[in-house]
Amino acid sequence: MEFLVFRCNLDRDCFIVTSEAHKASLSGDVCPTHGDTLVRVGRFPELGKERTAFDEDLAKRSIEENGFYRFHSKTFDPVAVPPSSMP
């Protein structure tokens, strides 16, 4: 399976994964934030156990049952800025 990955525009830690066969049914309604839109991240082949972003087996089952797989990733969180002065 080839995965199509989208990110929610407002909730930037939320990702939606689907397949070519199911992408036409996707909308921003699958995002947890009301009124959100989807931004395409890319198209990725299966990588097996090497994939670190999401569980491919779980994603495939969810796509077959629901048309998409949703997960949150904290990798896009900004790096904390150290305080300007330390006490």
Protein backbone atom coordinates (compact mmCIF):
# COMPACT_ATOMS: atom_id res chain seq x y z
CA MET A 1 0.00 0.00 0.00
CA GLU A 2 1.09 3.54 -0.68
CA PHE A 3 0.15 5.99 2.06
CA LEU A 4 -1.07 9.53 1.39
CA VAL A 5 -0.26 11.73 4.39
CA PHE A 6 -1.97 15.02 5.22
CA ARG A 7 -1.54 17.43 8.12
CA CYS A 8 -4.33 19.46 9.68
CA ASN A 9 -3.72 23.16 9.04
CA LEU A 10 -4.82 24.43 12.47
CA ASP A 11 -3.78 21.45 14.62
CA ARG A 12 -0.33 21.02 13.14
CA ASP A 13 0.45 17.97 15.30
CA CYS A 14 -2.49 16.05 13.82
CA PHE A 15 -1.85 13.89 10.75
CA ILE A 16 -4.30 12.01 8.56
CA VAL A 17 -3.16 8.97 6.57
CA THR A 18 -5.20 7.42 3.75
CA SER A 19 -4.81 5.61 0.45
CA GLU A 20 -5.47 6.68 -3.13
CA ALA A 21 -8.73 4.73 -3.11
CA HIS A 22 -10.05 6.62 -0.07
CA LYS A 23 -8.65 10.15 -0.53
CA ALA A 24 -11.74 11.51 -2.31
CA SER A 25 -13.80 11.04 0.86
CA LEU A 26 -11.44 13.09 3.05
CA SER A 27 -12.23 16.58 4.30
CA GLY A 28 -11.16 18.83 7.15
CA ASP A 29 -13.95 17.20 9.18
CA VAL A 30 -11.54 14.37 10.06
CA CYS A 31 -9.38 16.88 11.99
CA PRO A 32 -10.20 17.37 15.68
CA THR A 33 -10.32 21.19 15.30
CA HIS A 34 -13.60 22.52 13.86
CA GLY A 35 -13.17 24.31 10.51
CA ASP A 36 -9.72 22.85 9.87
CA THR A 37 -8.37 22.03 6.40
CA LEU A 38 -5.95 19.36 5.22
CA VAL A 39 -2.49 20.13 3.84
CA ARG A 40 -0.81 17.41 1.78
CA VAL A 41 2.50 16.20 3.22
CA GLY A 42 3.32 13.53 0.65
CA ARG A 43 3.01 10.00 -0.70
CA PHE A 44 5.01 7.26 1.03
CA PRO A 45 5.51 3.54 0.37
CA GLU A 46 5.33 0.97 3.15
CA LEU A 47 8.58 0.77 5.10
CA GLY A 48 7.68 -1.97 7.59
CA LYS A 49 9.13 -1.78 11.08
CA GLU A 50 11.48 1.05 10.05
CA ARG A 51 8.63 3.59 9.98
CA THR A 52 8.78 5.72 13.08
CA ALA A 53 5.85 8.10 12.56
CA PHE A 54 2.96 5.61 12.72
CA ASP A 55 2.12 1.91 12.91
CA GLU A 56 1.52 0.79 9.32
CA ASP A 57 -0.53 -2.29 10.23
CA LEU A 58 -2.85 -0.23 12.41
CA ALA A 59 -3.07 2.43 9.69
CA LYS A 60 -3.99 -0.12 7.01
CA ARG A 61 -6.76 -1.61 9.18
CA SER A 62 -8.13 1.84 10.01
CA ILE A 63 -8.04 2.95 6.37
CA GLU A 64 -9.96 -0.19 5.32
CA GLU A 65 -12.57 0.30 8.06
CA ASN A 66 -12.86 4.11 8.24
CA GLY A 67 -11.17 5.47 5.10
CA PHE A 68 -8.39 7.16 7.09
CA TYR A 69 -6.02 6.83 10.05
CA ARG A 70 -5.46 9.82 12.37
CA PHE A 71 -2.52 10.27 14.73
CA HIS A 72 -0.84 13.06 16.67
CA SER A 73 2.89 13.66 16.54
CA LYS A 74 4.82 16.07 18.73
CA THR A 75 7.77 16.28 16.32
CA PHE A 76 6.53 19.59 14.90
CA ASP A 77 6.38 21.33 18.30
CA PRO A 78 8.73 24.29 18.47
CA VAL A 79 11.86 23.81 20.52
CA ALA A 80 11.57 25.44 23.92
CA VAL A 81 13.38 28.77 24.19
CA PRO A 82 15.62 29.08 27.27
CA PRO A 83 14.84 32.00 29.59
CA SER A 84 16.75 35.19 28.88
CA SER A 85 18.19 35.20 32.39
CA MET A 86 18.64 32.54 34.99
CA PRO A 87 18.05 33.36 38.69
